[in-house]
Amino acid sequence: MQVVKGYIWDVVLDLRQDSPTFKQWQGFYLQDPLLNPNKQLELLYIPEGCAHGFLTISEDAIVHYKVAERYYPQEEQTLVFNDPDIAIEWPLHALPVDIPLILSEKDRQGKTFSQLPLF
């Protein structure tokens, strides 16, 4: 995962049942190199079997990512962002005051952790 433009908070959630970090999440702030004072390229690797989502904190953002396999939309699963079972601490306070929280239709219809098939 790489941010080409803007600033995001990216979350990775381990869905691998045999993993010691199963059902744990971790968040990362990522920004484009022009916003980064060190001008370092920030990349985030997301292992297979982990869920991934992000919150755009800047007015807009462009992200670039690669996947390990061909994308099959019919197989995609969406976890609801505010599932209390997972309790991801989204930094909603970091959103600019004049920018409301906007969810895609897919995200609005996300499932809870207990409804998702696991690996």
PDB file of N, CA and C in Angstrom:
ATOM      1  N   MET A   1       0.853  -1.162   0.000  1.00  0.00           N
ATOM      2  CA  MET A   1       0.000   0.000   0.000  1.00  0.00           C
ATOM      3  C   MET A   1       0.896   1.221   0.000  1.00  0.00           C
ATOM      4  N   GLN A   2       0.560   2.179  -0.851  1.00  0.00           N
ATOM      5  CA  GLN A   2       1.331   3.419  -0.937  1.00  0.00           C
ATOM      6  C   GLN A   2       0.372   4.576  -1.192  1.00  0.00           C
ATOM      7  N   VAL A   3       0.607   5.677  -0.516  1.00  0.00           N
ATOM      8  CA  VAL A   3      -0.173   6.876  -0.752  1.00  0.00           C
ATOM      9  C   VAL A   3       0.568   7.725  -1.770  1.00  0.00           C
ATOM     10  N   VAL A   4      -0.092   8.014  -2.882  1.00  0.00           N
ATOM     11  CA  VAL A   4       0.499   8.824  -3.945  1.00  0.00           C
ATOM     12  C   VAL A   4       0.184  10.302  -3.712  1.00  0.00           C
ATOM     13  N   LYS A   5      -1.000  10.549  -3.152  1.00  0.00           N
ATOM     14  CA  LYS A   5      -1.415  11.917  -2.850  1.00  0.00           C
ATOM     15  C   LYS A   5      -2.242  11.900  -1.576  1.00  0.00           C
ATOM     16  N   GLY A   6      -1.984  12.829  -0.674  1.00  0.00           N
ATOM     17  CA  GLY A   6      -2.802  12.967   0.518  1.00  0.00           C
ATOM     18  C   GLY A   6      -2.246  12.270   1.732  1.00  0.00           C
ATOM     19  N   TYR A   7      -3.152  11.982   2.671  1.00  0.00           N
ATOM     20  CA  TYR A   7      -2.783  11.483   3.991  1.00  0.00           C
ATOM     21  C   TYR A   7      -3.889  10.534   4.447  1.00  0.00           C
ATOM     22  N   ILE A   8      -3.532   9.328   4.874  1.00  0.00           N
ATOM     23  CA  ILE A   8      -4.524   8.336   5.303  1.00  0.00           C
ATOM     24  C   ILE A   8      -4.085   7.662   6.601  1.00  0.00           C
ATOM     25  N   TRP A   9      -5.030   7.024   7.234  1.00  0.00           N
ATOM     26  CA  TRP A   9      -4.748   6.120   8.350  1.00  0.00           C
ATOM     27  C   TRP A   9      -5.172   4.745   7.875  1.00  0.00           C
ATOM     28  N   ASP A  10      -4.233   3.825   7.822  1.00  0.00           N
ATOM     29  CA  ASP A  10      -4.431   2.512   7.244  1.00  0.00           C
ATOM     30  C   ASP A  10      -4.475   1.461   8.352  1.00  0.00           C
ATOM     31  N   VAL A  11      -5.400   0.518   8.242  1.00  0.00           N
ATOM     32  CA  VAL A  11      -5.575  -0.523   9.263  1.00  0.00           C
ATOM     33  C   VAL A  11      -5.407  -1.903   8.639  1.00  0.00           C
ATOM     34  N   VAL A  12      -4.704  -2.764   9.343  1.00  0.00           N
ATOM     35  CA  VAL A  12      -4.543  -4.165   8.953  1.00  0.00           C
ATOM     36  C   VAL A  12      -5.093  -5.011  10.102  1.00  0.00           C
ATOM     37  N   LEU A  13      -5.954  -5.973   9.769  1.00  0.00           N
ATOM     38  CA  LEU A  13      -6.571  -6.860  10.755  1.00  0.00           C
ATOM     39  C   LEU A  13      -6.243  -8.297  10.376  1.00  0.00           C
ATOM     40  N   ASP A  14      -5.677  -9.036  11.304  1.00  0.00           N
ATOM     41  CA  ASP A  14      -5.287 -10.426  11.053  1.00  0.00           C
ATOM     42  C   ASP A  14      -6.503 -11.340  11.151  1.00  0.00           C
ATOM     43  N   LEU A  15      -6.828 -12.005  10.044  1.00  0.00           N
ATOM     44  CA  LEU A  15      -7.957 -12.941   9.996  1.00  0.00           C
ATOM     45  C   LEU A  15      -7.507 -14.402   9.944  1.00  0.00           C
ATOM     46  N   ARG A  16      -6.216 -14.634  10.085  1.00  0.00           N
ATOM     47  CA  ARG A  16      -5.668 -16.003  10.001  1.00  0.00           C
ATOM     48  C   ARG A  16      -5.816 -16.686  11.360  1.00  0.00           C
ATOM     49  N   GLN A  17      -6.674 -17.695  11.415  1.00  0.00           N
ATOM     50  CA  GLN A  17      -6.990 -18.358  12.685  1.00  0.00           C
ATOM     51  C   GLN A  17      -5.776 -18.984  13.363  1.00  0.00           C
ATOM     52  N   ASP A  18      -4.788 -19.407  12.588  1.00  0.00           N
ATOM     53  CA  ASP A  18      -3.604 -20.053  13.168  1.00  0.00           C
ATOM     54  C   ASP A  18      -2.499 -19.054  13.508  1.00  0.00           C
ATOM     55  N   SER A  19      -2.751 -17.793  13.383  1.00  0.00           N
ATOM     56  CA  SER A  19      -1.749 -16.757  13.643  1.00  0.00           C
ATOM     57  C   SER A  19      -1.763 -16.341  15.113  1.00  0.00           C
ATOM     58  N   PRO A  20      -0.597 -16.054  15.689  1.00  0.00           N
ATOM     59  CA  PRO A  20      -0.569 -15.573  17.081  1.00  0.00           C
ATOM     60  C   PRO A  20      -1.195 -14.179  17.229  1.00  0.00           C
ATOM     61  N   THR A  21      -1.389 -13.479  16.121  1.00  0.00           N
ATOM     62  CA  THR A  21      -2.017 -12.147  16.171  1.00  0.00           C
ATOM     63  C   THR A  21      -3.435 -12.164  15.600  1.00  0.00           C
ATOM     64  N   PHE A  22      -4.049 -13.348  15.581  1.00  0.00           N
ATOM     65  CA  PHE A  22      -5.411 -13.486  15.080  1.00  0.00           C
ATOM     66  C   PHE A  22      -6.346 -12.499  15.774  1.00  0.00           C
ATOM     67  N   LYS A  23      -7.137 -11.804  14.963  1.00  0.00           N
ATOM     68  CA  LYS A  23      -8.161 -10.870  15.430  1.00  0.00           C
ATOM     69  C   LYS A  23      -7.573  -9.593  16.050  1.00  0.00           C
ATOM     70  N   GLN A  24      -6.291  -9.370  15.838  1.00  0.00           N
ATOM     71  CA  GLN A  24      -5.663  -8.140  16.308  1.00  0.00           C
ATOM     72  C   GLN A  24      -5.479  -7.207  15.116  1.00  0.00           C
ATOM     73  N   TRP A  25      -5.531  -5.915  15.385  1.00  0.00           N
ATOM     74  CA  TRP A  25      -5.367  -4.931  14.330  1.00  0.00           C
ATOM     75  C   TRP A  25      -4.229  -3.978  14.672  1.00  0.00           C
ATOM     76  N   GLN A  26      -3.723  -3.334  13.637  1.00  0.00           N
ATOM     77  CA  GLN A  26      -2.706  -2.311  13.822  1.00  0.00           C
ATOM     78  C   GLN A  26      -2.947  -1.211  12.800  1.00  0.00           C
ATOM     79  N   GLY A  27      -2.791   0.040  13.207  1.00  0.00           N
ATOM     80  CA  GLY A  27      -3.017   1.179  12.330  1.00  0.00           C
ATOM     81  C   GLY A  27      -1.724   1.930  12.045  1.00  0.00           C
ATOM     82  N   PHE A  28      -1.668   2.531  10.848  1.00  0.00           N
ATOM     83  CA  PHE A  28      -0.474   3.248  10.399  1.00  0.00           C
ATOM     84  C   PHE A  28      -0.890   4.530   9.677  1.00  0.00           C
ATOM     85  N   TYR A  29      -0.229   5.624   9.978  1.00  0.00           N
ATOM     86  CA  TYR A  29      -0.426   6.849   9.210  1.00  0.00           C
ATOM     87  C   TYR A  29       0.497   6.791   8.008  1.00  0.00           C
ATOM     88  N   LEU A  30      -0.053   7.036   6.833  1.00  0.00           N
ATOM     89  CA  LEU A  30       0.730   7.059   5.599  1.00  0.00           C
ATOM     90  C   LEU A  30       0.436   8.355   4.863  1.00  0.00           C
ATOM     91  N   GLN A  31       1.465   8.942   4.277  1.00  0.00           N
ATOM     92  CA  GLN A  31       1.268  10.176   3.531  1.00  0.00           C
ATOM     93  C   GLN A  31       2.132  10.172   2.284  1.00  0.00           C
ATOM     94  N   ASP A  32       1.761  11.034   1.341  1.00  0.00           N
ATOM     95  CA  ASP A  32       2.547  11.085   0.114  1.00  0.00           C
ATOM     96  C   ASP A  32       3.909  11.718   0.406  1.00  0.00           C
ATOM     97  N   PRO A  33       4.917  11.403  -0.416  1.00  0.00           N
ATOM     98  CA  PRO A  33       6.269  11.900  -0.159  1.00  0.00           C
ATOM     99  C   PRO A  33       6.371  13.427  -0.104  1.00  0.00           C
ATOM    100  N   LEU A  34       5.507  14.148  -0.795  1.00  0.00           N
ATOM    101  CA  LEU A  34       5.570  15.610  -0.764  1.00  0.00           C
ATOM    102  C   LEU A  34       5.152  16.167   0.594  1.00  0.00           C
ATOM    103  N   LEU A  35       4.329  15.420   1.348  1.00  0.00           N
ATOM    104  CA  LEU A  35       3.913  15.844   2.683  1.00  0.00           C
ATOM    105  C   LEU A  35       4.863  15.351   3.766  1.00  0.00           C
ATOM    106  N   ASN A  36       5.677  14.376   3.437  1.00  0.00           N
ATOM    107  CA  ASN A  36       6.579  13.759   4.396  1.00  0.00           C
ATOM    108  C   ASN A  36       7.823  14.632   4.555  1.00  0.00           C
ATOM    109  N   PRO A  37       8.103  15.144   5.748  1.00  0.00           N
ATOM    110  CA  PRO A  37       9.257  16.025   5.929  1.00  0.00           C
ATOM    111  C   PRO A  37      10.587  15.359   5.584  1.00  0.00           C
ATOM    112  N   ASN A  38      10.660  14.047   5.710  1.00  0.00           N
ATOM    113  CA  ASN A  38      11.901  13.336   5.373  1.00  0.00           C
ATOM    114  C   ASN A  38      11.937  12.915   3.913  1.00  0.00           C
ATOM    115  N   LYS A  39      10.839  13.170   3.180  1.00  0.00           N
ATOM    116  CA  LYS A  39      10.725  12.811   1.766  1.00  0.00           C
ATOM    117  C   LYS A  39      10.991  11.330   1.526  1.00  0.00           C
ATOM    118  N   GLN A  40      10.627  10.502   2.504  1.00  0.00           N
ATOM    119  CA  GLN A  40      10.799   9.064   2.365  1.00  0.00           C
ATOM    120  C   GLN A  40       9.546   8.449   1.780  1.00  0.00           C
ATOM    121  N   LEU A  41       9.735   7.470   0.938  1.00  0.00           N
ATOM    122  CA  LEU A  41       8.616   6.737   0.367  1.00  0.00           C
ATOM    123  C   LEU A  41       8.093   5.772   1.420  1.00  0.00           C
ATOM    124  N   GLU A  42       6.808   5.866   1.727  1.00  0.00           N
ATOM    125  CA  GLU A  42       6.200   4.995   2.718  1.00  0.00           C
ATOM    126  C   GLU A  42       5.407   3.901   2.020  1.00  0.00           C
ATOM    127  N   LEU A  43       5.728   2.661   2.336  1.00  0.00           N
ATOM    128  CA  LEU A  43       5.016   1.509   1.787  1.00  0.00           C
ATOM    129  C   LEU A  43       4.582   0.624   2.941  1.00  0.00           C
ATOM    130  N   LEU A  44       3.410   0.016   2.803  1.00  0.00           N
ATOM    131  CA  LEU A  44       2.913  -0.896   3.824  1.00  0.00           C
ATOM    132  C   LEU A  44       2.607  -2.229   3.163  1.00  0.00           C
ATOM    133  N   TYR A  45       3.200  -3.294   3.690  1.00  0.00           N
ATOM    134  CA  TYR A  45       2.929  -4.640   3.199  1.00  0.00           C
ATOM    135  C   TYR A  45       1.818  -5.246   4.050  1.00  0.00           C
ATOM    136  N   ILE A  46       0.819  -5.782   3.393  1.00  0.00           N
ATOM    137  CA  ILE A  46      -0.309  -6.408   4.077  1.00  0.00           C
ATOM    138  C   ILE A  46      -0.297  -7.899   3.735  1.00  0.00           C
ATOM    139  N   PRO A  47      -0.034  -8.760   4.709  1.00  0.00           N
ATOM    140  CA  PRO A  47       0.059 -10.192   4.422  1.00  0.00           C
ATOM    141  C   PRO A  47      -1.268 -10.779   3.942  1.00  0.00           C
ATOM    142  N   GLU A  48      -1.173 -11.818   3.154  1.00  0.00           N
ATOM    143  CA  GLU A  48      -2.362 -12.540   2.723  1.00  0.00           C
ATOM    144  C   GLU A  48      -3.078 -13.079   3.949  1.00  0.00           C
ATOM    145  N   GLY A  49      -4.392 -12.998   3.950  1.00  0.00           N
ATOM    146  CA  GLY A  49      -5.175 -13.459   5.083  1.00  0.00           C
ATOM    147  C   GLY A  49      -5.480 -12.359   6.087  1.00  0.00           C
ATOM    148  N   CYS A  50      -5.083 -11.139   5.750  1.00  0.00           N
ATOM    149  CA  CYS A  50      -5.374 -10.000   6.611  1.00  0.00           C
ATOM    150  C   CYS A  50      -6.361  -9.077   5.909  1.00  0.00           C
ATOM    151  N   ALA A  51      -7.260  -8.503   6.694  1.00  0.00           N
ATOM    152  CA  ALA A  51      -8.184  -7.503   6.160  1.00  0.00           C
ATOM    153  C   ALA A  51      -7.476  -6.158   6.159  1.00  0.00           C
ATOM    154  N   HIS A  52      -7.989  -5.271   5.335  1.00  0.00           N
ATOM    155  CA  HIS A  52      -7.335  -3.982   5.166  1.00  0.00           C
ATOM    156  C   HIS A  52      -8.370  -2.912   4.883  1.00  0.00           C
ATOM    157  N   GLY A  53      -8.194  -1.757   5.483  1.00  0.00           N
ATOM    158  CA  GLY A  53      -9.062  -0.623   5.220  1.00  0.00           C
ATOM    159  C   GLY A  53      -8.345   0.660   5.579  1.00  0.00           C
ATOM    160  N   PHE A  54      -8.869   1.786   5.116  1.00  0.00           N
ATOM    161  CA  PHE A  54      -8.212   3.040   5.459  1.00  0.00           C
ATOM    162  C   PHE A  54      -9.212   4.178   5.553  1.00  0.00           C
ATOM    163  N   LEU A  55      -8.796   5.200   6.274  1.00  0.00           N
ATOM    164  CA  LEU A  55      -9.553   6.425   6.448  1.00  0.00           C
ATOM    165  C   LEU A  55      -8.744   7.548   5.809  1.00  0.00           C
ATOM    166  N   THR A  56      -9.361   8.263   4.872  1.00  0.00           N
ATOM    167  CA  THR A  56      -8.692   9.412   4.264  1.00  0.00           C
ATOM    168  C   THR A  56      -8.808  10.590   5.217  1.00  0.00           C
ATOM    169  N   ILE A  57      -7.670  11.122   5.608  1.00  0.00           N
ATOM    170  CA  ILE A  57      -7.646  12.223   6.559  1.00  0.00           C
ATOM    171  C   ILE A  57      -7.517  13.568   5.846  1.00  0.00           C
ATOM    172  N   SER A  58      -6.844  13.582   4.711  1.00  0.00           N
ATOM    173  CA  SER A  58      -6.728  14.814   3.931  1.00  0.00           C
ATOM    174  C   SER A  58      -8.018  15.028   3.135  1.00  0.00           C
ATOM    175  N   GLU A  59      -8.120  16.162   2.492  1.00  0.00           N
ATOM    176  CA  GLU A  59      -9.334  16.469   1.720  1.00  0.00           C
ATOM    177  C   GLU A  59      -9.597  15.415   0.654  1.00  0.00           C
ATOM    178  N   ASP A  60      -8.546  14.902   0.062  1.00  0.00           N
ATOM    179  CA  ASP A  60      -8.659  13.788  -0.874  1.00  0.00           C
ATOM    180  C   ASP A  60      -7.360  12.993  -0.822  1.00  0.00           C
ATOM    181  N   ALA A  61      -7.378  11.818  -1.402  1.00  0.00           N
ATOM    182  CA  ALA A  61      -6.189  10.966  -1.400  1.00  0.00           C
ATOM    183  C   ALA A  61      -6.227  10.043  -2.597  1.00  0.00           C
ATOM    184  N   ILE A  62      -5.048   9.691  -3.044  1.00  0.00           N
ATOM    185  CA  ILE A  62      -4.890   8.683  -4.088  1.00  0.00           C
ATOM    186  C   ILE A  62      -3.952   7.627  -3.520  1.00  0.00           C
ATOM    187  N   VAL A  63      -4.405   6.365  -3.552  1.00  0.00           N
ATOM    188  CA  VAL A  63      -3.581   5.270  -3.054  1.00  0.00           C
ATOM    189  C   VAL A  63      -3.277   4.315  -4.198  1.00  0.00           C
ATOM    190  N   HIS A  64      -2.175   3.623  -4.053  1.00  0.00           N
ATOM    191  CA  HIS A  64      -1.744   2.656  -5.061  1.00  0.00           C
ATOM    192  C   HIS A  64      -1.373   1.378  -4.316  1.00  0.00           C
ATOM    193  N   TYR A  65      -1.885   0.252  -4.811  1.00  0.00           N
ATOM    194  CA  TYR A  65      -1.521  -0.999  -4.170  1.00  0.00           C
ATOM    195  C   TYR A  65      -1.530  -2.129  -5.185  1.00  0.00           C
ATOM    196  N   LYS A  66      -0.801  -3.170  -4.854  1.00  0.00           N
ATOM    197  CA  LYS A  66      -0.753  -4.379  -5.666  1.00  0.00           C
ATOM    198  C   LYS A  66      -1.374  -5.504  -4.862  1.00  0.00           C
ATOM    199  N   VAL A  67      -1.867  -6.489  -5.574  1.00  0.00           N
ATOM    200  CA  VAL A  67      -2.449  -7.656  -4.918  1.00  0.00           C
ATOM    201  C   VAL A  67      -1.739  -8.917  -5.406  1.00  0.00           C
ATOM    202  N   ALA A  68      -1.839  -9.978  -4.629  1.00  0.00           N
ATOM    203  CA  ALA A  68      -1.131 -11.214  -4.941  1.00  0.00           C
ATOM    204  C   ALA A  68      -1.801 -12.015  -6.049  1.00  0.00           C
ATOM    205  N   GLU A  69      -3.106 -11.847  -6.206  1.00  0.00           N
ATOM    206  CA  GLU A  69      -3.848 -12.619  -7.195  1.00  0.00           C
ATOM    207  C   GLU A  69      -4.821 -11.723  -7.941  1.00  0.00           C
ATOM    208  N   ARG A  70      -5.412 -12.274  -8.968  1.00  0.00           N
ATOM    209  CA  ARG A  70      -6.434 -11.555  -9.724  1.00  0.00           C
ATOM    210  C   ARG A  70      -7.601 -11.209  -8.799  1.00  0.00           C
ATOM    211  N   TYR A  71      -8.186 -10.052  -8.998  1.00  0.00           N
ATOM    212  CA  TYR A  71      -9.285  -9.571  -8.170  1.00  0.00           C
ATOM    213  C   TYR A  71     -10.604 -10.174  -8.649  1.00  0.00           C
ATOM    214  N   TYR A  72     -11.331 -10.802  -7.734  1.00  0.00           N
ATOM    215  CA  TYR A  72     -12.642 -11.368  -8.013  1.00  0.00           C
ATOM    216  C   TYR A  72     -13.658 -10.684  -7.093  1.00  0.00           C
ATOM    217  N   PRO A  73     -14.347  -9.656  -7.590  1.00  0.00           N
ATOM    218  CA  PRO A  73     -15.269  -8.898  -6.730  1.00  0.00           C
ATOM    219  C   PRO A  73     -16.327  -9.764  -6.044  1.00  0.00           C
ATOM    220  N   GLN A  74     -16.760 -10.820  -6.693  1.00  0.00           N
ATOM    221  CA  GLN A  74     -17.792 -11.677  -6.112  1.00  0.00           C
ATOM    222  C   GLN A  74     -17.294 -12.423  -4.874  1.00  0.00           C
ATOM    223  N   GLU A  75     -15.981 -12.496  -4.670  1.00  0.00           N
ATOM    224  CA  GLU A  75     -15.417 -13.180  -3.511  1.00  0.00           C
ATOM    225  C   GLU A  75     -15.012 -12.212  -2.400  1.00  0.00           C
ATOM    226  N   GLU A  76     -15.147 -10.940  -2.655  1.00  0.00           N
ATOM    227  CA  GLU A  76     -14.731  -9.940  -1.683  1.00  0.00           C
ATOM    228  C   GLU A  76     -15.670  -9.918  -0.476  1.00  0.00           C
ATOM    229  N   GLN A  77     -15.110  -9.731   0.692  1.00  0.00           N
ATOM    230  CA  GLN A  77     -15.860  -9.612   1.935  1.00  0.00           C
ATOM    231  C   GLN A  77     -15.544  -8.249   2.542  1.00  0.00           C
ATOM    232  N   THR A  78     -16.525  -7.625   3.169  1.00  0.00           N
ATOM    233  CA  THR A  78     -16.315  -6.313   3.776  1.00  0.00           C
ATOM    234  C   THR A  78     -16.697  -6.367   5.246  1.00  0.00           C
ATOM    235  N   LEU A  79     -15.745  -6.005   6.095  1.00  0.00           N
ATOM    236  CA  LEU A  79     -15.978  -5.912   7.528  1.00  0.00           C
ATOM    237  C   LEU A  79     -16.466  -4.506   7.833  1.00  0.00           C
ATOM    238  N   VAL A  80     -17.529  -4.393   8.606  1.00  0.00           N
ATOM    239  CA  VAL A  80     -18.029  -3.079   8.985  1.00  0.00           C
ATOM    240  C   VAL A  80     -16.953  -2.368   9.810  1.00  0.00           C
ATOM    241  N   PHE A  81     -16.717  -1.112   9.503  1.00  0.00           N
ATOM    242  CA  PHE A  81     -15.576  -0.405  10.093  1.00  0.00           C
ATOM    243  C   PHE A  81     -15.677  -0.244  11.608  1.00  0.00           C
ATOM    244  N   ASN A  82     -16.871  -0.211  12.142  1.00  0.00           N
ATOM    245  CA  ASN A  82     -17.038   0.055  13.570  1.00  0.00           C
ATOM    246  C   ASN A  82     -17.537  -1.167  14.347  1.00  0.00           C
ATOM    247  N   ASP A  83     -17.144  -2.348  13.931  1.00  0.00           N
ATOM    248  CA  ASP A  83     -17.536  -3.575  14.617  1.00  0.00           C
ATOM    249  C   ASP A  83     -17.012  -3.539  16.059  1.00  0.00           C
ATOM    250  N   PRO A  84     -17.908  -3.572  17.058  1.00  0.00           N
ATOM    251  CA  PRO A  84     -17.454  -3.496  18.448  1.00  0.00           C
ATOM    252  C   PRO A  84     -16.628  -4.703  18.882  1.00  0.00           C
ATOM    253  N   ASP A  85     -16.760  -5.821  18.180  1.00  0.00           N
ATOM    254  CA  ASP A  85     -15.984  -7.024  18.485  1.00  0.00           C
ATOM    255  C   ASP A  85     -14.494  -6.813  18.204  1.00  0.00           C
ATOM    256  N   ILE A  86     -14.189  -5.979  17.233  1.00  0.00           N
ATOM    257  CA  ILE A  86     -12.806  -5.702  16.850  1.00  0.00           C
ATOM    258  C   ILE A  86     -12.317  -4.404  17.502  1.00  0.00           C
ATOM    259  N   ALA A  87     -13.180  -3.431  17.628  1.00  0.00           N
ATOM    260  CA  ALA A  87     -12.908  -2.153  18.310  1.00  0.00           C
ATOM    261  C   ALA A  87     -11.704  -1.409  17.739  1.00  0.00           C
ATOM    262  N   ILE A  88     -11.704  -1.241  16.428  1.00  0.00           N
ATOM    263  CA  ILE A  88     -10.651  -0.438  15.804  1.00  0.00           C
ATOM    264  C   ILE A  88     -10.838   1.012  16.243  1.00  0.00           C
ATOM    265  N   GLU A  89      -9.766   1.622  16.654  1.00  0.00           N
ATOM    266  CA  GLU A  89      -9.794   3.006  17.130  1.00  0.00           C
ATOM    267  C   GLU A  89      -9.492   3.952  15.961  1.00  0.00           C
ATOM    268  N   TRP A  90     -10.495   4.169  15.145  1.00  0.00           N
ATOM    269  CA  TRP A  90     -10.337   5.055  13.992  1.00  0.00           C
ATOM    270  C   TRP A  90     -10.117   6.492  14.474  1.00  0.00           C
ATOM    271  N   PRO A  91      -9.145   7.198  13.931  1.00  0.00           N
ATOM    272  CA  PRO A  91      -8.869   8.574  14.376  1.00  0.00           C
ATOM    273  C   PRO A  91      -9.822   9.584  13.718  1.00  0.00           C
ATOM    274  N   LEU A  92     -11.100   9.441  14.000  1.00  0.00           N
ATOM    275  CA  LEU A  92     -12.086  10.331  13.390  1.00  0.00           C
ATOM    276  C   LEU A  92     -11.858  11.785  13.803  1.00  0.00           C
ATOM    277  N   HIS A  93     -11.223  11.984  14.946  1.00  0.00           N
ATOM    278  CA  HIS A  93     -10.902  13.337  15.397  1.00  0.00           C
ATOM    279  C   HIS A  93      -9.916  14.039  14.449  1.00  0.00           C
ATOM    280  N   ALA A  94      -9.196  13.261  13.647  1.00  0.00           N
ATOM    281  CA  ALA A  94      -8.198  13.827  12.738  1.00  0.00           C
ATOM    282  C   ALA A  94      -8.809  14.338  11.434  1.00  0.00           C
ATOM    283  N   LEU A  95     -10.085  14.018  11.191  1.00  0.00           N
ATOM    284  CA  LEU A  95     -10.737  14.514   9.982  1.00  0.00           C
ATOM    285  C   LEU A  95     -10.859  16.031  10.042  1.00  0.00           C
ATOM    286  N   PRO A  96     -10.609  16.716   8.931  1.00  0.00           N
ATOM    287  CA  PRO A  96     -10.840  18.161   8.911  1.00  0.00           C
ATOM    288  C   PRO A  96     -12.292  18.456   9.288  1.00  0.00           C
ATOM    289  N   VAL A  97     -12.512  19.523  10.019  1.00  0.00           N
ATOM    290  CA  VAL A  97     -13.832  19.871  10.541  1.00  0.00           C
ATOM    291  C   VAL A  97     -14.888  19.939   9.448  1.00  0.00           C
ATOM    292  N   ASP A  98     -14.526  20.435   8.290  1.00  0.00           N
ATOM    293  CA  ASP A  98     -15.506  20.623   7.218  1.00  0.00           C
ATOM    294  C   ASP A  98     -15.683  19.389   6.327  1.00  0.00           C
ATOM    295  N   ILE A  99     -15.035  18.279   6.663  1.00  0.00           N
ATOM    296  CA  ILE A  99     -15.149  17.064   5.857  1.00  0.00           C
ATOM    297  C   ILE A  99     -15.900  15.999   6.653  1.00  0.00           C
ATOM    298  N   PRO A 100     -17.104  15.629   6.213  1.00  0.00           N
ATOM    299  CA  PRO A 100     -17.868  14.607   6.937  1.00  0.00           C
ATOM    300  C   PRO A 100     -17.327  13.204   6.646  1.00  0.00           C
ATOM    301  N   LEU A 101     -17.661  12.274   7.503  1.00  0.00           N
ATOM    302  CA  LEU A 101     -17.315  10.876   7.276  1.00  0.00           C
ATOM    303  C   LEU A 101     -18.198  10.355   6.146  1.00  0.00           C
ATOM    304  N   ILE A 102     -17.573   9.867   5.084  1.00  0.00           N
ATOM    305  CA  ILE A 102     -18.314   9.342   3.930  1.00  0.00           C
ATOM    306  C   ILE A 102     -17.947   7.869   3.768  1.00  0.00           C
ATOM    307  N   LEU A 103     -18.959   7.016   3.748  1.00  0.00           N
ATOM    308  CA  LEU A 103     -18.745   5.587   3.548  1.00  0.00           C
ATOM    309  C   LEU A 103     -19.310   5.176   2.204  1.00  0.00           C
ATOM    310  N   SER A 104     -18.602   4.277   1.516  1.00  0.00           N
ATOM    311  CA  SER A 104     -19.120   3.733   0.271  1.00  0.00           C
ATOM    312  C   SER A 104     -20.306   2.836   0.588  1.00  0.00           C
ATOM    313  N   GLU A 105     -21.098   2.530  -0.414  1.00  0.00           N
ATOM    314  CA  GLU A 105     -22.234   1.626  -0.230  1.00  0.00           C
ATOM    315  C   GLU A 105     -21.733   0.266   0.266  1.00  0.00           C
ATOM    316  N   LYS A 106     -20.636  -0.202  -0.291  1.00  0.00           N
ATOM    317  CA  LYS A 106     -20.048  -1.479   0.113  1.00  0.00           C
ATOM    318  C   LYS A 106     -19.688  -1.454   1.603  1.00  0.00           C
ATOM    319  N   ASP A 107     -19.096  -0.349   2.063  1.00  0.00           N
ATOM    320  CA  ASP A 107     -18.724  -0.242   3.474  1.00  0.00           C
ATOM    321  C   ASP A 107     -19.938  -0.124   4.388  1.00  0.00           C
ATOM    322  N   ARG A 108     -20.971   0.547   3.924  1.00  0.00           N
ATOM    323  CA  ARG A 108     -22.189   0.672   4.734  1.00  0.00           C
ATOM    324  C   ARG A 108     -22.864  -0.681   4.937  1.00  0.00           C
ATOM    325  N   GLN A 109     -22.656  -1.602   4.012  1.00  0.00           N
ATOM    326  CA  GLN A 109     -23.279  -2.919   4.104  1.00  0.00           C
ATOM    327  C   GLN A 109     -22.309  -3.989   4.613  1.00  0.00           C
ATOM    328  N   GLY A 110     -21.210  -3.559   5.227  1.00  0.00           N
ATOM    329  CA  GLY A 110     -20.217  -4.493   5.747  1.00  0.00           C
ATOM    330  C   GLY A 110     -20.792  -5.426   6.803  1.00  0.00           C
ATOM    331  N   LYS A 111     -20.132  -6.546   6.972  1.00  0.00           N
ATOM    332  CA  LYS A 111     -20.558  -7.555   7.952  1.00  0.00           C
ATOM    333  C   LYS A 111     -19.728  -7.421   9.226  1.00  0.00           C
ATOM    334  N   THR A 112     -20.261  -7.961  10.309  1.00  0.00           N
ATOM    335  CA  THR A 112     -19.497  -8.009  11.541  1.00  0.00           C
ATOM    336  C   THR A 112     -18.476  -9.142  11.449  1.00  0.00           C
ATOM    337  N   PHE A 113     -17.512  -9.119  12.352  1.00  0.00           N
ATOM    338  CA  PHE A 113     -16.473 -10.145  12.357  1.00  0.00           C
ATOM    339  C   PHE A 113     -17.072 -11.541  12.451  1.00  0.00           C
ATOM    340  N   SER A 114     -18.072 -11.706  13.286  1.00  0.00           N
ATOM    341  CA  SER A 114     -18.674 -13.031  13.475  1.00  0.00           C
ATOM    342  C   SER A 114     -19.393 -13.539  12.225  1.00  0.00           C
ATOM    343  N   GLN A 115     -19.719 -12.642  11.291  1.00  0.00           N
ATOM    344  CA  GLN A 115     -20.395 -13.046  10.052  1.00  0.00           C
ATOM    345  C   GLN A 115     -19.436 -13.370   8.926  1.00  0.00           C
ATOM    346  N   LEU A 116     -18.153 -13.048   9.078  1.00  0.00           N
ATOM    347  CA  LEU A 116     -17.187 -13.268   7.998  1.00  0.00           C
ATOM    348  C   LEU A 116     -16.656 -14.694   7.988  1.00  0.00           C
ATOM    349  N   PRO A 117     -16.437 -15.243   6.778  1.00  0.00           N
ATOM    350  CA  PRO A 117     -15.749 -16.536   6.705  1.00  0.00           C
ATOM    351  C   PRO A 117     -14.273 -16.311   7.018  1.00  0.00           C
ATOM    352  N   LEU A 118     -13.662 -17.219   7.756  1.00  0.00           N
ATOM    353  CA  LEU A 118     -12.259 -17.056   8.135  1.00  0.00           C
ATOM    354  C   LEU A 118     -11.365 -18.004   7.364  1.00  0.00           C
ATOM    355  N   PHE A 119     -10.091 -17.673   7.316  1.00  0.00           N
ATOM    356  CA  PHE A 119      -9.098 -18.464   6.587  1.00  0.00           C
ATOM    357  C   PHE A 119      -8.592 -19.607   7.429  1.00  0.00           C
TER     358      PHE A 119
END
